Amino acid sequence: MEARAVARFMRVPPRKVGLVAELIRGKKIGEALNVLAFTPKAAARVVAKVLKSAVANAQQSQKIDVDTLYVKRVEVGPGPSLKRIQPVAFGRAHRVLKRSSHITVVLDEE
């Protein structure tokens, strides 16, 4: 039985979250959390939080044993971008995009 968790509007660019998501696809829950704990990236904390939420959802709604769960799918999509201004020389300005992500983690039993 699948369990899922979604985090929306996370202020980490999808490209950076995707790098971390690749590390945990197909792994067991304990191993995935261990990998994320020792990954020195801001996106690792965000993905770990979503993963823990998915585990809690599995325990709460379906009474699934955590030891049998693995990461079936991790989806990372772009959220809305905040447009900001960066002053540059000669009175001009460049646009800076502050990107956000939508992260979905799906767990399943082996």
PDB file of N, CA and C in Angstrom:
ATOM      1  N   MET A   1       0.839  -1.182   0.000  1.00  0.00           N
ATOM      2  CA  MET A   1       0.000   0.000   0.000  1.00  0.00           C
ATOM      3  C   MET A   1       0.881   1.242   0.000  1.00  0.00           C
ATOM      4  N   GLU A   2       0.575   2.172  -0.846  1.00  0.00           N
ATOM      5  CA  GLU A   2       1.396   3.376  -0.973  1.00  0.00           C
ATOM      6  C   GLU A   2       1.052   4.410   0.093  1.00  0.00           C
ATOM      7  N   ALA A   3       2.075   5.145   0.480  1.00  0.00           N
ATOM      8  CA  ALA A   3       1.901   6.309   1.353  1.00  0.00           C
ATOM      9  C   ALA A   3       2.670   7.446   0.713  1.00  0.00           C
ATOM     10  N   ARG A   4       2.122   8.644   0.804  1.00  0.00           N
ATOM     11  CA  ARG A   4       2.796   9.763   0.152  1.00  0.00           C
ATOM     12  C   ARG A   4       2.760  11.007   1.023  1.00  0.00           C
ATOM     13  N   ALA A   5       3.676  11.915   0.711  1.00  0.00           N
ATOM     14  CA  ALA A   5       3.715  13.219   1.373  1.00  0.00           C
ATOM     15  C   ALA A   5       4.155  14.243   0.335  1.00  0.00           C
ATOM     16  N   VAL A   6       3.609  15.435   0.449  1.00  0.00           N
ATOM     17  CA  VAL A   6       3.918  16.504  -0.500  1.00  0.00           C
ATOM     18  C   VAL A   6       4.326  17.753   0.271  1.00  0.00           C
ATOM     19  N   ALA A   7       5.411  18.370  -0.167  1.00  0.00           N
ATOM     20  CA  ALA A   7       5.818  19.674   0.369  1.00  0.00           C
ATOM     21  C   ALA A   7       5.784  20.645  -0.799  1.00  0.00           C
ATOM     22  N   ARG A   8       5.024  21.698  -0.659  1.00  0.00           N
ATOM     23  CA  ARG A   8       4.891  22.658  -1.753  1.00  0.00           C
ATOM     24  C   ARG A   8       5.517  23.991  -1.368  1.00  0.00           C
ATOM     25  N   PHE A   9       5.935  24.720  -2.374  1.00  0.00           N
ATOM     26  CA  PHE A   9       6.488  26.067  -2.221  1.00  0.00           C
ATOM     27  C   PHE A   9       7.749  26.089  -1.350  1.00  0.00           C
ATOM     28  N   MET A  10       8.581  25.075  -1.442  1.00  0.00           N
ATOM     29  CA  MET A  10       9.830  25.046  -0.683  1.00  0.00           C
ATOM     30  C   MET A  10      10.840  25.956  -1.384  1.00  0.00           C
ATOM     31  N   ARG A  11      11.514  26.811  -0.617  1.00  0.00           N
ATOM     32  CA  ARG A  11      12.402  27.812  -1.204  1.00  0.00           C
ATOM     33  C   ARG A  11      13.801  27.251  -1.495  1.00  0.00           C
ATOM     34  N   VAL A  12      13.827  26.134  -2.211  1.00  0.00           N
ATOM     35  CA  VAL A  12      15.067  25.536  -2.689  1.00  0.00           C
ATOM     36  C   VAL A  12      14.844  25.257  -4.174  1.00  0.00           C
ATOM     37  N   PRO A  13      15.790  25.604  -5.042  1.00  0.00           N
ATOM     38  CA  PRO A  13      15.584  25.394  -6.480  1.00  0.00           C
ATOM     39  C   PRO A  13      15.394  23.915  -6.830  1.00  0.00           C
ATOM     40  N   PRO A  14      14.528  23.605  -7.783  1.00  0.00           N
ATOM     41  CA  PRO A  14      14.269  22.215  -8.160  1.00  0.00           C
ATOM     42  C   PRO A  14      15.529  21.479  -8.617  1.00  0.00           C
ATOM     43  N   ARG A  15      16.421  22.181  -9.256  1.00  0.00           N
ATOM     44  CA  ARG A  15      17.650  21.551  -9.742  1.00  0.00           C
ATOM     45  C   ARG A  15      18.480  21.003  -8.576  1.00  0.00           C
ATOM     46  N   LYS A  16      18.544  21.758  -7.485  1.00  0.00           N
ATOM     47  CA  LYS A  16      19.321  21.330  -6.318  1.00  0.00           C
ATOM     48  C   LYS A  16      18.607  20.218  -5.552  1.00  0.00           C
ATOM     49  N   VAL A  17      17.276  20.288  -5.487  1.00  0.00           N
ATOM     50  CA  VAL A  17      16.520  19.232  -4.815  1.00  0.00           C
ATOM     51  C   VAL A  17      16.629  17.930  -5.607  1.00  0.00           C
ATOM     52  N   GLY A  18      16.647  18.041  -6.924  1.00  0.00           N
ATOM     53  CA  GLY A  18      16.762  16.854  -7.774  1.00  0.00           C
ATOM     54  C   GLY A  18      18.045  16.082  -7.531  1.00  0.00           C
ATOM     55  N   LEU A  19      19.132  16.798  -7.273  1.00  0.00           N
ATOM     56  CA  LEU A  19      20.408  16.138  -6.981  1.00  0.00           C
ATOM     57  C   LEU A  19      20.302  15.291  -5.719  1.00  0.00           C
ATOM     58  N   VAL A  20      19.618  15.804  -4.712  1.00  0.00           N
ATOM     59  CA  VAL A  20      19.454  15.076  -3.450  1.00  0.00           C
ATOM     60  C   VAL A  20      18.448  13.935  -3.625  1.00  0.00           C
ATOM     61  N   ALA A  21      17.396  14.165  -4.406  1.00  0.00           N
ATOM     62  CA  ALA A  21      16.367  13.143  -4.609  1.00  0.00           C
ATOM     63  C   ALA A  21      16.953  11.896  -5.271  1.00  0.00           C
ATOM     64  N   GLU A  22      17.913  12.088  -6.165  1.00  0.00           N
ATOM     65  CA  GLU A  22      18.560  10.956  -6.835  1.00  0.00           C
ATOM     66  C   GLU A  22      19.227  10.019  -5.842  1.00  0.00           C
ATOM     67  N   LEU A  23      19.688  10.558  -4.719  1.00  0.00           N
ATOM     68  CA  LEU A  23      20.425   9.758  -3.740  1.00  0.00           C
ATOM     69  C   LEU A  23      19.546   8.749  -3.006  1.00  0.00           C
ATOM     70  N   ILE A  24      18.235   9.002  -2.922  1.00  0.00           N
ATOM     71  CA  ILE A  24      17.388   8.143  -2.084  1.00  0.00           C
ATOM     72  C   ILE A  24      16.381   7.305  -2.864  1.00  0.00           C
ATOM     73  N   ARG A  25      16.273   7.480  -4.168  1.00  0.00           N
ATOM     74  CA  ARG A  25      15.300   6.704  -4.943  1.00  0.00           C
ATOM     75  C   ARG A  25      15.587   5.205  -4.830  1.00  0.00           C
ATOM     76  N   GLY A  26      14.557   4.428  -4.493  1.00  0.00           N
ATOM     77  CA  GLY A  26      14.683   2.977  -4.430  1.00  0.00           C
ATOM     78  C   GLY A  26      15.285   2.429  -3.149  1.00  0.00           C
ATOM     79  N   LYS A  27      15.665   3.283  -2.225  1.00  0.00           N
ATOM     80  CA  LYS A  27      16.308   2.827  -0.985  1.00  0.00           C
ATOM     81  C   LYS A  27      15.274   2.566   0.113  1.00  0.00           C
ATOM     82  N   LYS A  28      15.678   1.747   1.087  1.00  0.00           N
ATOM     83  CA  LYS A  28      14.841   1.530   2.270  1.00  0.00           C
ATOM     84  C   LYS A  28      14.826   2.811   3.102  1.00  0.00           C
ATOM     85  N   ILE A  29      13.832   2.952   3.960  1.00  0.00           N
ATOM     86  CA  ILE A  29      13.640   4.192   4.716  1.00  0.00           C
ATOM     87  C   ILE A  29      14.832   4.514   5.610  1.00  0.00           C
ATOM     88  N   GLY A  30      15.302   3.534   6.361  1.00  0.00           N
ATOM     89  CA  GLY A  30      16.429   3.774   7.270  1.00  0.00           C
ATOM     90  C   GLY A  30      17.673   4.214   6.529  1.00  0.00           C
ATOM     91  N   GLU A  31      17.939   3.549   5.415  1.00  0.00           N
ATOM     92  CA  GLU A  31      19.119   3.889   4.614  1.00  0.00           C
ATOM     93  C   GLU A  31      18.975   5.281   4.003  1.00  0.00           C
ATOM     94  N   ALA A  32      17.774   5.607   3.524  1.00  0.00           N
ATOM     95  CA  ALA A  32      17.533   6.917   2.912  1.00  0.00           C
ATOM     96  C   ALA A  32      17.711   8.040   3.930  1.00  0.00           C
ATOM     97  N   LEU A  33      17.174   7.857   5.138  1.00  0.00           N
ATOM     98  CA  LEU A  33      17.322   8.884   6.177  1.00  0.00           C
ATOM     99  C   LEU A  33      18.781   9.043   6.588  1.00  0.00           C
ATOM    100  N   ASN A  34      19.517   7.936   6.611  1.00  0.00           N
ATOM    101  CA  ASN A  34      20.938   7.982   6.947  1.00  0.00           C
ATOM    102  C   ASN A  34      21.724   8.753   5.886  1.00  0.00           C
ATOM    103  N   VAL A  35      21.426   8.493   4.620  1.00  0.00           N
ATOM    104  CA  VAL A  35      22.092   9.211   3.522  1.00  0.00           C
ATOM    105  C   VAL A  35      21.801  10.705   3.613  1.00  0.00           C
ATOM    106  N   LEU A  36      20.546  11.058   3.868  1.00  0.00           N
ATOM    107  CA  LEU A  36      20.168  12.471   3.943  1.00  0.00           C
ATOM    108  C   LEU A  36      20.804  13.167   5.143  1.00  0.00           C
ATOM    109  N   ALA A  37      20.962  12.437   6.244  1.00  0.00           N
ATOM    110  CA  ALA A  37      21.554  13.032   7.449  1.00  0.00           C
ATOM    111  C   ALA A  37      23.003  13.447   7.209  1.00  0.00           C
ATOM    112  N   PHE A  38      23.700  12.726   6.327  1.00  0.00           N
ATOM    113  CA  PHE A  38      25.112  13.019   6.082  1.00  0.00           C
ATOM    114  C   PHE A  38      25.354  13.712   4.744  1.00  0.00           C
ATOM    115  N   THR A  39      24.305  14.242   4.146  1.00  0.00           N
ATOM    116  CA  THR A  39      24.443  15.003   2.902  1.00  0.00           C
ATOM    117  C   THR A  39      24.478  16.485   3.246  1.00  0.00           C
ATOM    118  N   PRO A  40      25.599  17.160   2.971  1.00  0.00           N
ATOM    119  CA  PRO A  40      25.748  18.560   3.397  1.00  0.00           C
ATOM    120  C   PRO A  40      25.103  19.558   2.434  1.00  0.00           C
ATOM    121  N   LYS A  41      23.812  19.429   2.224  1.00  0.00           N
ATOM    122  CA  LYS A  41      23.095  20.357   1.352  1.00  0.00           C
ATOM    123  C   LYS A  41      21.800  20.782   2.038  1.00  0.00           C
ATOM    124  N   ALA A  42      21.376  22.002   1.776  1.00  0.00           N
ATOM    125  CA  ALA A  42      20.136  22.508   2.372  1.00  0.00           C
ATOM    126  C   ALA A  42      18.940  21.693   1.893  1.00  0.00           C
ATOM    127  N   ALA A  43      18.989  21.229   0.652  1.00  0.00           N
ATOM    128  CA  ALA A  43      17.883  20.447   0.104  1.00  0.00           C
ATOM    129  C   ALA A  43      17.720  19.117   0.831  1.00  0.00           C
ATOM    130  N   ALA A  44      18.792  18.592   1.419  1.00  0.00           N
ATOM    131  CA  ALA A  44      18.721  17.305   2.122  1.00  0.00           C
ATOM    132  C   ALA A  44      17.807  17.409   3.343  1.00  0.00           C
ATOM    133  N   ARG A  45      17.858  18.535   4.038  1.00  0.00           N
ATOM    134  CA  ARG A  45      16.989  18.720   5.207  1.00  0.00           C
ATOM    135  C   ARG A  45      15.519  18.762   4.785  1.00  0.00           C
ATOM    136  N   VAL A  46      15.251  19.422   3.673  1.00  0.00           N
ATOM    137  CA  VAL A  46      13.875  19.544   3.182  1.00  0.00           C
ATOM    138  C   VAL A  46      13.341  18.177   2.757  1.00  0.00           C
ATOM    139  N   VAL A  47      14.148  17.419   2.008  1.00  0.00           N
ATOM    140  CA  VAL A  47      13.719  16.101   1.536  1.00  0.00           C
ATOM    141  C   VAL A  47      13.543  15.148   2.719  1.00  0.00           C
ATOM    142  N   ALA A  48      14.416  15.248   3.722  1.00  0.00           N
ATOM    143  CA  ALA A  48      14.296  14.396   4.912  1.00  0.00           C
ATOM    144  C   ALA A  48      12.985  14.678   5.643  1.00  0.00           C
ATOM    145  N   LYS A  49      12.609  15.936   5.713  1.00  0.00           N
ATOM    146  CA  LYS A  49      11.364  16.310   6.381  1.00  0.00           C
ATOM    147  C   LYS A  49      10.154  15.715   5.653  1.00  0.00           C
ATOM    148  N   VAL A  50      10.167  15.760   4.322  1.00  0.00           N
ATOM    149  CA  VAL A  50       9.064  15.198   3.539  1.00  0.00           C
ATOM    150  C   VAL A  50       9.040  13.674   3.688  1.00  0.00           C
ATOM    151  N   LEU A  51      10.220  13.056   3.700  1.00  0.00           N
ATOM    152  CA  LEU A  51      10.310  11.606   3.854  1.00  0.00           C
ATOM    153  C   LEU A  51       9.755  11.159   5.212  1.00  0.00           C
ATOM    154  N   LYS A  52      10.106  11.890   6.270  1.00  0.00           N
ATOM    155  CA  LYS A  52       9.584  11.564   7.604  1.00  0.00           C
ATOM    156  C   LYS A  52       8.067  11.742   7.653  1.00  0.00           C
ATOM    157  N   SER A  53       7.561  12.734   6.952  1.00  0.00           N
ATOM    158  CA  SER A  53       6.119  12.955   6.890  1.00  0.00           C
ATOM    159  C   SER A  53       5.423  11.791   6.185  1.00  0.00           C
ATOM    160  N   ALA A  54       6.027  11.288   5.111  1.00  0.00           N
ATOM    161  CA  ALA A  54       5.450  10.151   4.386  1.00  0.00           C
ATOM    162  C   ALA A  54       5.436   8.900   5.260  1.00  0.00           C
ATOM    163  N   VAL A  55       6.496   8.701   6.044  1.00  0.00           N
ATOM    164  CA  VAL A  55       6.551   7.558   6.962  1.00  0.00           C
ATOM    165  C   VAL A  55       5.449   7.683   8.016  1.00  0.00           C
ATOM    166  N   ALA A  56       5.280   8.877   8.565  1.00  0.00           N
ATOM    167  CA  ALA A  56       4.228   9.105   9.559  1.00  0.00           C
ATOM    168  C   ALA A  56       2.847   8.872   8.955  1.00  0.00           C
ATOM    169  N   ASN A  57       2.658   9.288   7.704  1.00  0.00           N
ATOM    170  CA  ASN A  57       1.380   9.057   7.028  1.00  0.00           C
ATOM    171  C   ASN A  57       1.109   7.565   6.865  1.00  0.00           C
ATOM    172  N   ALA A  58       2.154   6.803   6.539  1.00  0.00           N
ATOM    173  CA  ALA A  58       2.006   5.354   6.367  1.00  0.00           C
ATOM    174  C   ALA A  58       1.629   4.694   7.688  1.00  0.00           C
ATOM    175  N   GLN A  59       2.274   5.115   8.762  1.00  0.00           N
ATOM    176  CA  GLN A  59       1.978   4.534  10.074  1.00  0.00           C
ATOM    177  C   GLN A  59       0.577   4.908  10.536  1.00  0.00           C
ATOM    178  N   GLN A  60       0.194   6.135  10.311  1.00  0.00           N
ATOM    179  CA  GLN A  60      -1.080   6.651  10.810  1.00  0.00           C
ATOM    180  C   GLN A  60      -2.276   6.065  10.072  1.00  0.00           C
ATOM    181  N   SER A  61      -2.221   6.088   8.755  1.00  0.00           N
ATOM    182  CA  SER A  61      -3.415   5.741   7.991  1.00  0.00           C
ATOM    183  C   SER A  61      -3.532   4.254   7.684  1.00  0.00           C
ATOM    184  N   GLN A  62      -2.403   3.565   7.486  1.00  0.00           N
ATOM    185  CA  GLN A  62      -2.494   2.177   7.046  1.00  0.00           C
ATOM    186  C   GLN A  62      -1.865   1.176   8.005  1.00  0.00           C
ATOM    187  N   LYS A  63      -1.324   1.649   9.128  1.00  0.00           N
ATOM    188  CA  LYS A  63      -0.710   0.766  10.130  1.00  0.00           C
ATOM    189  C   LYS A  63       0.351  -0.148   9.504  1.00  0.00           C
ATOM    190  N   ILE A  64       1.215   0.437   8.680  1.00  0.00           N
ATOM    191  CA  ILE A  64       2.260  -0.310   7.982  1.00  0.00           C
ATOM    192  C   ILE A  64       3.509  -0.349   8.843  1.00  0.00           C
ATOM    193  N   ASP A  65       4.222  -1.490   8.803  1.00  0.00           N
ATOM    194  CA  ASP A  65       5.497  -1.612   9.502  1.00  0.00           C
ATOM    195  C   ASP A  65       6.551  -0.812   8.736  1.00  0.00           C
ATOM    196  N   VAL A  66       7.260   0.057   9.426  1.00  0.00           N
ATOM    197  CA  VAL A  66       8.220   0.966   8.785  1.00  0.00           C
ATOM    198  C   VAL A  66       9.378   0.204   8.150  1.00  0.00           C
ATOM    199  N   ASP A  67       9.750  -0.933   8.730  1.00  0.00           N
ATOM    200  CA  ASP A  67      10.907  -1.679   8.223  1.00  0.00           C
ATOM    201  C   ASP A  67      10.677  -2.254   6.830  1.00  0.00           C
ATOM    202  N   THR A  68       9.420  -2.372   6.407  1.00  0.00           N
ATOM    203  CA  THR A  68       9.137  -2.943   5.088  1.00  0.00           C
ATOM    204  C   THR A  68       8.990  -1.874   4.008  1.00  0.00           C
ATOM    205  N   LEU A  69       9.097  -0.610   4.371  1.00  0.00           N
ATOM    206  CA  LEU A  69       8.894   0.474   3.402  1.00  0.00           C
ATOM    207  C   LEU A  69      10.170   0.807   2.640  1.00  0.00           C
ATOM    208  N   TYR A  70       9.995   1.227   1.393  1.00  0.00           N
ATOM    209  CA  TYR A  70      11.098   1.766   0.607  1.00  0.00           C
ATOM    210  C   TYR A  70      10.598   2.968  -0.189  1.00  0.00           C
ATOM    211  N   VAL A  71      11.524   3.765  -0.684  1.00  0.00           N
ATOM    212  CA  VAL A  71      11.173   4.970  -1.439  1.00  0.00           C
ATOM    213  C   VAL A  71      10.860   4.548  -2.873  1.00  0.00           C
ATOM    214  N   LYS A  72       9.591   4.560  -3.214  1.00  0.00           N
ATOM    215  CA  LYS A  72       9.177   4.140  -4.550  1.00  0.00           C
ATOM    216  C   LYS A  72       9.411   5.248  -5.577  1.00  0.00           C
ATOM    217  N   ARG A  73       9.083   6.480  -5.185  1.00  0.00           N
ATOM    218  CA  ARG A  73       9.161   7.585  -6.140  1.00  0.00           C
ATOM    219  C   ARG A  73       9.449   8.884  -5.408  1.00  0.00           C
ATOM    220  N   VAL A  74      10.294   9.710  -5.995  1.00  0.00           N
ATOM    221  CA  VAL A  74      10.525  11.074  -5.501  1.00  0.00           C
ATOM    222  C   VAL A  74      10.367  11.989  -6.705  1.00  0.00           C
ATOM    223  N   GLU A  75       9.385  12.867  -6.645  1.00  0.00           N
ATOM    224  CA  GLU A  75       9.140  13.796  -7.750  1.00  0.00           C
ATOM    225  C   GLU A  75       9.465  15.210  -7.294  1.00  0.00           C
ATOM    226  N   VAL A  76      10.179  15.921  -8.137  1.00  0.00           N
ATOM    227  CA  VAL A  76      10.522  17.313  -7.846  1.00  0.00           C
ATOM    228  C   VAL A  76      10.073  18.155  -9.030  1.00  0.00           C
ATOM    229  N   GLY A  77       9.227  19.124  -8.756  1.00  0.00           N
ATOM    230  CA  GLY A  77       8.748  20.005  -9.807  1.00  0.00           C
ATOM    231  C   GLY A  77       8.965  21.456  -9.429  1.00  0.00           C
ATOM    232  N   PRO A  78       8.934  22.330 -10.415  1.00  0.00           N
ATOM    233  CA  PRO A  78       9.127  23.751 -10.120  1.00  0.00           C
ATOM    234  C   PRO A  78       7.882  24.374  -9.500  1.00  0.00           C
ATOM    235  N   GLY A  79       8.100  25.237  -8.539  1.00  0.00           N
ATOM    236  CA  GLY A  79       7.032  26.045  -7.965  1.00  0.00           C
ATOM    237  C   GLY A  79       7.137  27.440  -8.555  1.00  0.00           C
ATOM    238  N   PRO A  80       6.403  28.377  -8.020  1.00  0.00           N
ATOM    239  CA  PRO A  80       6.491  29.745  -8.523  1.00  0.00           C
ATOM    240  C   PRO A  80       7.834  30.380  -8.176  1.00  0.00           C
ATOM    241  N   SER A  81       8.280  31.281  -9.034  1.00  0.00           N
ATOM    242  CA  SER A  81       9.543  31.982  -8.806  1.00  0.00           C
ATOM    243  C   SER A  81       9.269  33.396  -8.321  1.00  0.00           C
ATOM    244  N   LEU A  82      10.058  33.833  -7.351  1.00  0.00           N
ATOM    245  CA  LEU A  82       9.980  35.214  -6.894  1.00  0.00           C
ATOM    246  C   LEU A  82      10.946  36.040  -7.734  1.00  0.00           C
ATOM    247  N   LYS A  83      10.487  37.145  -8.268  1.00  0.00           N
ATOM    248  CA  LYS A  83      11.349  38.003  -9.075  1.00  0.00           C
ATOM    249  C   LYS A  83      11.934  39.093  -8.190  1.00  0.00           C
ATOM    250  N   ARG A  84      13.248  39.192  -8.191  1.00  0.00           N
ATOM    251  CA  ARG A  84      13.948  40.195  -7.394  1.00  0.00           C
ATOM    252  C   ARG A  84      14.865  41.003  -8.305  1.00  0.00           C
ATOM    253  N   ILE A  85      15.310  42.155  -7.824  1.00  0.00           N
ATOM    254  CA  ILE A  85      16.161  43.053  -8.607  1.00  0.00           C
ATOM    255  C   ILE A  85      17.565  43.079  -8.021  1.00  0.00           C
ATOM    256  N   GLN A  86      18.568  42.945  -8.893  1.00  0.00           N
ATOM    257  CA  GLN A  86      19.977  43.046  -8.501  1.00  0.00           C
ATOM    258  C   GLN A  86      20.545  44.310  -9.154  1.00  0.00           C
ATOM    259  N   PRO A  87      20.895  45.326  -8.360  1.00  0.00           N
ATOM    260  CA  PRO A  87      21.484  46.530  -8.953  1.00  0.00           C
ATOM    261  C   PRO A  87      22.843  46.216  -9.587  1.00  0.00           C
ATOM    262  N   VAL A  88      23.073  46.788 -10.772  1.00  0.00           N
ATOM    263  CA  VAL A  88      24.366  46.631 -11.445  1.00  0.00           C
ATOM    264  C   VAL A  88      24.858  48.016 -11.863  1.00  0.00           C
ATOM    265  N   ALA A  89      25.956  48.046 -12.574  1.00  0.00           N
ATOM    266  CA  ALA A  89      26.619  49.307 -12.912  1.00  0.00           C
ATOM    267  C   ALA A  89      25.764  50.210 -13.801  1.00  0.00           C
ATOM    268  N   PHE A  90      26.069  51.489 -13.748  1.00  0.00           N
ATOM    269  CA  PHE A  90      25.465  52.516 -14.604  1.00  0.00           C
ATOM    270  C   PHE A  90      23.957  52.636 -14.408  1.00  0.00           C
ATOM    271  N   GLY A  91      23.494  52.422 -13.176  1.00  0.00           N
ATOM    272  CA  GLY A  91      22.090  52.640 -12.859  1.00  0.00           C
ATOM    273  C   GLY A  91      21.138  51.606 -13.413  1.00  0.00           C
ATOM    274  N   ARG A  92      21.674  50.510 -13.885  1.00  0.00           N
ATOM    275  CA  ARG A  92      20.811  49.468 -14.442  1.00  0.00           C
ATOM    276  C   ARG A  92      20.476  48.432 -13.375  1.00  0.00           C
ATOM    277  N   ALA A  93      19.621  47.484 -13.744  1.00  0.00           N
ATOM    278  CA  ALA A  93      19.243  46.421 -12.813  1.00  0.00           C
ATOM    279  C   ALA A  93      19.035  45.127 -13.589  1.00  0.00           C
ATOM    280  N   HIS A  94      19.409  44.031 -12.970  1.00  0.00           N
ATOM    281  CA  HIS A  94      19.155  42.709 -13.536  1.00  0.00           C
ATOM    282  C   HIS A  94      18.106  42.001 -12.687  1.00  0.00           C
ATOM    283  N   ARG A  95      17.350  41.147 -13.335  1.00  0.00           N
ATOM    284  CA  ARG A  95      16.336  40.365 -12.624  1.00  0.00           C
ATOM    285  C   ARG A  95      16.979  39.092 -12.067  1.00  0.00           C
ATOM    286  N   VAL A  96      16.665  38.780 -10.818  1.00  0.00           N
ATOM    287  CA  VAL A  96      17.131  37.555 -10.173  1.00  0.00           C
ATOM    288  C   VAL A  96      15.901  36.726  -9.838  1.00  0.00           C
ATOM    289  N   LEU A  97      15.914  35.451 -10.225  1.00  0.00           N
ATOM    290  CA  LEU A  97      14.797  34.565  -9.928  1.00  0.00           C
ATOM    291  C   LEU A  97      15.110  33.740  -8.690  1.00  0.00           C
ATOM    292  N   LYS A  98      14.259  33.835  -7.688  1.00  0.00           N
ATOM    293  CA  LYS A  98      14.369  32.995  -6.495  1.00  0.00           C
ATOM    294  C   LYS A  98      13.399  31.836  -6.717  1.00  0.00           C
ATOM    295  N   ARG A  99      13.940  30.686  -7.058  1.00  0.00           N
ATOM    296  CA  ARG A  99      13.097  29.555  -7.455  1.00  0.00           C
ATOM    297  C   ARG A  99      12.602  28.757  -6.253  1.00  0.00           C
ATOM    298  N   SER A 100      11.457  28.108  -6.426  1.00  0.00           N
ATOM    299  CA  SER A 100      10.906  27.248  -5.380  1.00  0.00           C
ATOM    300  C   SER A 100      10.539  25.895  -5.991  1.00  0.00           C
ATOM    301  N   SER A 101      10.284  24.911  -5.120  1.00  0.00           N
ATOM    302  CA  SER A 101      10.038  23.540  -5.568  1.00  0.00           C
ATOM    303  C   SER A 101       8.787  22.963  -4.927  1.00  0.00           C
ATOM    304  N   HIS A 102       8.187  22.011  -5.638  1.00  0.00           N
ATOM    305  CA  HIS A 102       7.163  21.144  -5.082  1.00  0.00           C
ATOM    306  C   HIS A 102       7.783  19.747  -5.034  1.00  0.00           C
ATOM    307  N   ILE A 103       7.771  19.116  -3.847  1.00  0.00           N
ATOM    308  CA  ILE A 103       8.425  17.820  -3.664  1.00  0.00           C
ATOM    309  C   ILE A 103       7.381  16.795  -3.239  1.00  0.00           C
ATOM    310  N   THR A 104       7.354  15.650  -3.932  1.00  0.00           N
ATOM    311  CA  THR A 104       6.448  14.556  -3.593  1.00  0.00           C
ATOM    312  C   THR A 104       7.270  13.302  -3.339  1.00  0.00           C
ATOM    313  N   VAL A 105       7.020  12.645  -2.205  1.00  0.00           N
ATOM    314  CA  VAL A 105       7.685  11.384  -1.876  1.00  0.00           C
ATOM    315  C   VAL A 105       6.614  10.312  -1.746  1.00  0.00           C
ATOM    316  N   VAL A 106       6.800   9.209  -2.475  1.00  0.00           N
ATOM    317  CA  VAL A 106       5.863   8.090  -2.425  1.00  0.00           C
ATOM    318  C   VAL A 106       6.605   6.868  -1.894  1.00  0.00           C
ATOM    319  N   LEU A 107       6.047   6.241  -0.858  1.00  0.00           N
ATOM    320  CA  LEU A 107       6.631   5.042  -0.254  1.00  0.00           C
ATOM    321  C   LEU A 107       5.744   3.846  -0.569  1.00  0.00           C
ATOM    322  N   ASP A 108       6.350   2.663  -0.585  1.00  0.00           N
ATOM    323  CA  ASP A 108       5.584   1.440  -0.808  1.00  0.00           C
ATOM    324  C   ASP A 108       6.211   0.310  -0.009  1.00  0.00           C
ATOM    325  N   GLU A 109       5.438  -0.757   0.192  1.00  0.00           N
ATOM    326  CA  GLU A 109       5.948  -1.930   0.900  1.00  0.00           C
ATOM    327  C   GLU A 109       6.673  -2.841  -0.081  1.00  0.00           C
ATOM    328  N   GLU A 110       7.665  -3.559   0.434  1.00  0.00           N
ATOM    329  CA  GLU A 110       8.386  -4.497  -0.430  1.00  0.00           C
ATOM    330  C   GLU A 110       7.626  -5.795  -0.559  1.00  0.00           C
TER     331      GLU A 110
END
